[in-house]
Amino acid sequence: MFPHNLQHLFATVFYRANRDIAKLADLLGHSSIETTRIYLITSGMEHRQELDRLGLVS
């Protein structure tokens, strides 16, 4: 386990709970939200699971 992994985990969990990327950027010390977005990139499988949960695509 590396410190960066913990930071990534924190960012992911925080964003899923709060959906506030500006606050997350502040907490992580990022001057740009674009830097913070890197932590929130999801995989194709995660996208598929989200669509399945919403029931929008059959």
PDB file of N, CA and C in Angstrom:
ATOM      1  N   MET A   1       0.853  -1.167   0.000  1.00  0.00           N
ATOM      2  CA  MET A   1       0.000   0.000   0.000  1.00  0.00           C
ATOM      3  C   MET A   1       0.905   1.238   0.000  1.00  0.00           C
ATOM      4  N   PHE A   2       0.584   2.156  -0.865  1.00  0.00           N
ATOM      5  CA  PHE A   2       1.341   3.397  -0.982  1.00  0.00           C
ATOM      6  C   PHE A   2       0.457   4.564  -0.553  1.00  0.00           C
ATOM      7  N   PRO A   3       1.044   5.659  -0.069  1.00  0.00           N
ATOM      8  CA  PRO A   3       0.253   6.830   0.336  1.00  0.00           C
ATOM      9  C   PRO A   3      -0.689   7.321  -0.769  1.00  0.00           C
ATOM     10  N   HIS A   4      -0.231   7.248  -2.016  1.00  0.00           N
ATOM     11  CA  HIS A   4      -1.072   7.706  -3.114  1.00  0.00           C
ATOM     12  C   HIS A   4      -2.338   6.854  -3.232  1.00  0.00           C
ATOM     13  N   ASN A   5      -2.229   5.550  -2.942  1.00  0.00           N
ATOM     14  CA  ASN A   5      -3.402   4.676  -2.975  1.00  0.00           C
ATOM     15  C   ASN A   5      -4.435   5.118  -1.937  1.00  0.00           C
ATOM     16  N   LEU A   6      -3.978   5.498  -0.763  1.00  0.00           N
ATOM     17  CA  LEU A   6      -4.885   5.969   0.281  1.00  0.00           C
ATOM     18  C   LEU A   6      -5.543   7.282  -0.129  1.00  0.00           C
ATOM     19  N   GLN A   7      -4.778   8.152  -0.767  1.00  0.00           N
ATOM     20  CA  GLN A   7      -5.331   9.414  -1.235  1.00  0.00           C
ATOM     21  C   GLN A   7      -6.401   9.160  -2.297  1.00  0.00           C
ATOM     22  N   HIS A   8      -6.133   8.241  -3.188  1.00  0.00           N
ATOM     23  CA  HIS A   8      -7.097   7.898  -4.227  1.00  0.00           C
ATOM     24  C   HIS A   8      -8.364   7.305  -3.605  1.00  0.00           C
ATOM     25  N   LEU A   9      -8.209   6.406  -2.654  1.00  0.00           N
ATOM     26  CA  LEU A   9      -9.354   5.806  -1.975  1.00  0.00           C
ATOM     27  C   LEU A   9     -10.176   6.875  -1.266  1.00  0.00           C
ATOM     28  N   PHE A  10      -9.496   7.769  -0.545  1.00  0.00           N
ATOM     29  CA  PHE A  10     -10.199   8.851   0.134  1.00  0.00           C
ATOM     30  C   PHE A  10     -10.983   9.694  -0.860  1.00  0.00           C
ATOM     31  N   ALA A  11     -10.351  10.075  -1.951  1.00  0.00           N
ATOM     32  CA  ALA A  11     -10.999  10.929  -2.946  1.00  0.00           C
ATOM     33  C   ALA A  11     -12.231  10.250  -3.521  1.00  0.00           C
ATOM     34  N   THR A  12     -12.116   8.986  -3.829  1.00  0.00           N
ATOM     35  CA  THR A  12     -13.240   8.243  -4.403  1.00  0.00           C
ATOM     36  C   THR A  12     -14.400   8.147  -3.420  1.00  0.00           C
ATOM     37  N   VAL A  13     -14.106   7.762  -2.187  1.00  0.00           N
ATOM     38  CA  VAL A  13     -15.152   7.611  -1.175  1.00  0.00           C
ATOM     39  C   VAL A  13     -15.786   8.961  -0.848  1.00  0.00           C
ATOM     40  N   PHE A  14     -14.970   9.993  -0.702  1.00  0.00           N
ATOM     41  CA  PHE A  14     -15.496  11.322  -0.395  1.00  0.00           C
ATOM     42  C   PHE A  14     -16.416  11.810  -1.505  1.00  0.00           C
ATOM     43  N   TYR A  15     -15.989  11.654  -2.745  1.00  0.00           N
ATOM     44  CA  TYR A  15     -16.794  12.139  -3.858  1.00  0.00           C
ATOM     45  C   TYR A  15     -18.107  11.365  -3.980  1.00  0.00           C
ATOM     46  N   ARG A  16     -18.062  10.072  -3.804  1.00  0.00           N
ATOM     47  CA  ARG A  16     -19.292   9.275  -3.887  1.00  0.00           C
ATOM     48  C   ARG A  16     -20.293   9.678  -2.799  1.00  0.00           C
ATOM     49  N   ALA A  17     -19.787  10.075  -1.643  1.00  0.00           N
ATOM     50  CA  ALA A  17     -20.666  10.464  -0.534  1.00  0.00           C
ATOM     51  C   ALA A  17     -21.188  11.886  -0.686  1.00  0.00           C
ATOM     52  N   ASN A  18     -20.371  12.791  -1.229  1.00  0.00           N
ATOM     53  CA  ASN A  18     -20.726  14.212  -1.232  1.00  0.00           C
ATOM     54  C   ASN A  18     -20.999  14.815  -2.599  1.00  0.00           C
ATOM     55  N   ARG A  19     -20.433  14.228  -3.648  1.00  0.00           N
ATOM     56  CA  ARG A  19     -20.602  14.755  -5.019  1.00  0.00           C
ATOM     57  C   ARG A  19     -20.221  16.235  -5.125  1.00  0.00           C
ATOM     58  N   ASP A  20     -19.182  16.627  -4.393  1.00  0.00           N
ATOM     59  CA  ASP A  20     -18.722  18.023  -4.418  1.00  0.00           C
ATOM     60  C   ASP A  20     -17.241  18.044  -4.795  1.00  0.00           C
ATOM     61  N   ILE A  21     -16.990  18.167  -6.099  1.00  0.00           N
ATOM     62  CA  ILE A  21     -15.613  18.104  -6.585  1.00  0.00           C
ATOM     63  C   ILE A  21     -14.798  19.326  -6.152  1.00  0.00           C
ATOM     64  N   ALA A  22     -15.446  20.477  -5.985  1.00  0.00           N
ATOM     65  CA  ALA A  22     -14.720  21.679  -5.552  1.00  0.00           C
ATOM     66  C   ALA A  22     -14.216  21.516  -4.123  1.00  0.00           C
ATOM     67  N   LYS A  23     -15.046  20.991  -3.242  1.00  0.00           N
ATOM     68  CA  LYS A  23     -14.627  20.759  -1.854  1.00  0.00           C
ATOM     69  C   LYS A  23     -13.524  19.701  -1.800  1.00  0.00           C
ATOM     70  N   LEU A  24     -13.672  18.658  -2.621  1.00  0.00           N
ATOM     71  CA  LEU A  24     -12.650  17.613  -2.673  1.00  0.00           C
ATOM     72  C   LEU A  24     -11.320  18.187  -3.145  1.00  0.00           C
ATOM     73  N   ALA A  25     -11.351  19.033  -4.160  1.00  0.00           N
ATOM     74  CA  ALA A  25     -10.121  19.662  -4.648  1.00  0.00           C
ATOM     75  C   ALA A  25      -9.457  20.471  -3.536  1.00  0.00           C
ATOM     76  N   ASP A  26     -10.264  21.189  -2.763  1.00  0.00           N
ATOM     77  CA  ASP A  26      -9.716  21.958  -1.636  1.00  0.00           C
ATOM     78  C   ASP A  26      -9.082  21.039  -0.599  1.00  0.00           C
ATOM     79  N   LEU A  27      -9.772  19.958  -0.266  1.00  0.00           N
ATOM     80  CA  LEU A  27      -9.248  19.025   0.729  1.00  0.00           C
ATOM     81  C   LEU A  27      -7.937  18.375   0.289  1.00  0.00           C
ATOM     82  N   LEU A  28      -7.834  18.101  -1.005  1.00  0.00           N
ATOM     83  CA  LEU A  28      -6.622  17.469  -1.523  1.00  0.00           C
ATOM     84  C   LEU A  28      -5.509  18.475  -1.810  1.00  0.00           C
ATOM     85  N   GLY A  29      -5.841  19.763  -1.740  1.00  0.00           N
ATOM     86  CA  GLY A  29      -4.830  20.792  -1.989  1.00  0.00           C
ATOM     87  C   GLY A  29      -4.564  21.040  -3.456  1.00  0.00           C
ATOM     88  N   HIS A  30      -5.516  20.692  -4.305  1.00  0.00           N
ATOM     89  CA  HIS A  30      -5.351  20.905  -5.742  1.00  0.00           C
ATOM     90  C   HIS A  30      -5.795  22.312  -6.122  1.00  0.00           C
ATOM     91  N   SER A  31      -5.014  22.968  -6.944  1.00  0.00           N
ATOM     92  CA  SER A  31      -5.382  24.309  -7.400  1.00  0.00           C
ATOM     93  C   SER A  31      -6.330  24.246  -8.590  1.00  0.00           C
ATOM     94  N   SER A  32      -6.440  23.091  -9.210  1.00  0.00           N
ATOM     95  CA  SER A  32      -7.296  22.919 -10.376  1.00  0.00           C
ATOM     96  C   SER A  32      -8.210  21.707 -10.190  1.00  0.00           C
ATOM     97  N   ILE A  33      -9.476  21.885 -10.520  1.00  0.00           N
ATOM     98  CA  ILE A  33     -10.417  20.767 -10.454  1.00  0.00           C
ATOM     99  C   ILE A  33     -10.033  19.700 -11.470  1.00  0.00           C
ATOM    100  N   GLU A  34      -9.380  20.089 -12.548  1.00  0.00           N
ATOM    101  CA  GLU A  34      -8.934  19.110 -13.553  1.00  0.00           C
ATOM    102  C   GLU A  34      -7.986  18.088 -12.936  1.00  0.00           C
ATOM    103  N   THR A  35      -7.149  18.525 -12.006  1.00  0.00           N
ATOM    104  CA  THR A  35      -6.256  17.595 -11.321  1.00  0.00           C
ATOM    105  C   THR A  35      -7.069  16.614 -10.487  1.00  0.00           C
ATOM    106  N   THR A  36      -8.097  17.112  -9.818  1.00  0.00           N
ATOM    107  CA  THR A  36      -8.939  16.280  -8.968  1.00  0.00           C
ATOM    108  C   THR A  36      -9.718  15.266  -9.788  1.00  0.00           C
ATOM    109  N   ARG A  37     -10.122  15.629 -10.994  1.00  0.00           N
ATOM    110  CA  ARG A  37     -10.904  14.731 -11.848  1.00  0.00           C
ATOM    111  C   ARG A  37     -10.175  13.416 -12.123  1.00  0.00           C
ATOM    112  N   ILE A  38      -8.861  13.434 -12.092  1.00  0.00           N
ATOM    113  CA  ILE A  38      -8.072  12.218 -12.332  1.00  0.00           C
ATOM    114  C   ILE A  38      -8.456  11.132 -11.325  1.00  0.00           C
ATOM    115  N   TYR A  39      -8.754  11.538 -10.101  1.00  0.00           N
ATOM    116  CA  TYR A  39      -9.115  10.577  -9.054  1.00  0.00           C
ATOM    117  C   TYR A  39     -10.494   9.978  -9.281  1.00  0.00           C
ATOM    118  N   LEU A  40     -11.298  10.619 -10.100  1.00  0.00           N
ATOM    119  CA  LEU A  40     -12.688  10.208 -10.255  1.00  0.00           C
ATOM    120  C   LEU A  40     -12.963   9.457 -11.550  1.00  0.00           C
ATOM    121  N   ILE A  41     -11.928   9.219 -12.338  1.00  0.00           N
ATOM    122  CA  ILE A  41     -12.095   8.471 -13.586  1.00  0.00           C
ATOM    123  C   ILE A  41     -12.516   7.044 -13.242  1.00  0.00           C
ATOM    124  N   THR A  42     -13.568   6.589 -13.910  1.00  0.00           N
ATOM    125  CA  THR A  42     -14.067   5.248 -13.643  1.00  0.00           C
ATOM    126  C   THR A  42     -13.841   4.357 -14.859  1.00  0.00           C
ATOM    127  N   SER A  43     -13.878   3.090 -14.613  1.00  0.00           N
ATOM    128  CA  SER A  43     -13.648   2.124 -15.693  1.00  0.00           C
ATOM    129  C   SER A  43     -14.936   1.886 -16.471  1.00  0.00           C
ATOM    130  N   GLY A  44     -14.802   1.268 -17.615  1.00  0.00           N
ATOM    131  CA  GLY A  44     -15.955   0.903 -18.410  1.00  0.00           C
ATOM    132  C   GLY A  44     -16.893  -0.022 -17.649  1.00  0.00           C
ATOM    133  N   MET A  45     -16.333  -0.924 -16.852  1.00  0.00           N
ATOM    134  CA  MET A  45     -17.145  -1.843 -16.056  1.00  0.00           C
ATOM    135  C   MET A  45     -17.970  -1.074 -15.027  1.00  0.00           C
ATOM    136  N   GLU A  46     -17.374  -0.076 -14.405  1.00  0.00           N
ATOM    137  CA  GLU A  46     -18.109   0.730 -13.426  1.00  0.00           C
ATOM    138  C   GLU A  46     -19.239   1.502 -14.102  1.00  0.00           C
ATOM    139  N   HIS A  47     -18.995   1.999 -15.317  1.00  0.00           N
ATOM    140  CA  HIS A  47     -20.041   2.691 -16.070  1.00  0.00           C
ATOM    141  C   HIS A  47     -21.191   1.736 -16.354  1.00  0.00           C
ATOM    142  N   ARG A  48     -20.871   0.528 -16.767  1.00  0.00           N
ATOM    143  CA  ARG A  48     -21.877  -0.471 -17.096  1.00  0.00           C
ATOM    144  C   ARG A  48     -22.711  -0.816 -15.861  1.00  0.00           C
ATOM    145  N   GLN A  49     -22.047  -0.993 -14.729  1.00  0.00           N
ATOM    146  CA  GLN A  49     -22.755  -1.318 -13.491  1.00  0.00           C
ATOM    147  C   GLN A  49     -23.701  -0.180 -13.093  1.00  0.00           C
ATOM    148  N   GLU A  50     -23.269   1.039 -13.276  1.00  0.00           N
ATOM    149  CA  GLU A  50     -24.110   2.193 -12.951  1.00  0.00           C
ATOM    150  C   GLU A  50     -25.337   2.231 -13.861  1.00  0.00           C
ATOM    151  N   LEU A  51     -25.143   1.999 -15.142  1.00  0.00           N
ATOM    152  CA  LEU A  51     -26.275   1.961 -16.074  1.00  0.00           C
ATOM    153  C   LEU A  51     -27.234   0.824 -15.728  1.00  0.00           C
ATOM    154  N   ASP A  52     -26.680  -0.312 -15.359  1.00  0.00           N
ATOM    155  CA  ASP A  52     -27.527  -1.448 -14.967  1.00  0.00           C
ATOM    156  C   ASP A  52     -28.357  -1.108 -13.730  1.00  0.00           C
ATOM    157  N   ARG A  53     -27.742  -0.435 -12.773  1.00  0.00           N
ATOM    158  CA  ARG A  53     -28.458  -0.034 -11.559  1.00  0.00           C
ATOM    159  C   ARG A  53     -29.606   0.925 -11.866  1.00  0.00           C
ATOM    160  N   LEU A  54     -29.365   1.829 -12.805  1.00  0.00           N
ATOM    161  CA  LEU A  54     -30.394   2.815 -13.168  1.00  0.00           C
ATOM    162  C   LEU A  54     -31.507   2.202 -14.009  1.00  0.00           C
ATOM    163  N   GLY A  55     -31.215   1.122 -14.684  1.00  0.00           N
ATOM    164  CA  GLY A  55     -32.204   0.445 -15.495  1.00  0.00           C
ATOM    165  C   GLY A  55     -32.579   1.233 -16.762  1.00  0.00           C
ATOM    166  N   LEU A  56     -31.664   2.071 -17.237  1.00  0.00           N
ATOM    167  CA  LEU A  56     -31.943   2.898 -18.405  1.00  0.00           C
ATOM    168  C   LEU A  56     -31.634   2.198 -19.723  1.00  0.00           C
ATOM    169  N   VAL A  57     -30.724   1.213 -19.674  1.00  0.00           N
ATOM    170  CA  VAL A  57     -30.314   0.505 -20.871  1.00  0.00           C
ATOM    171  C   VAL A  57     -30.590  -0.974 -20.645  1.00  0.00           C
ATOM    172  N   SER A  58     -31.194  -1.584 -21.638  1.00  0.00           N
ATOM    173  CA  SER A  58     -31.484  -3.018 -21.453  1.00  0.00           C
ATOM    174  C   SER A  58     -30.592  -3.866 -22.313  1.00  0.00           C
TER     175      SER A  58
END
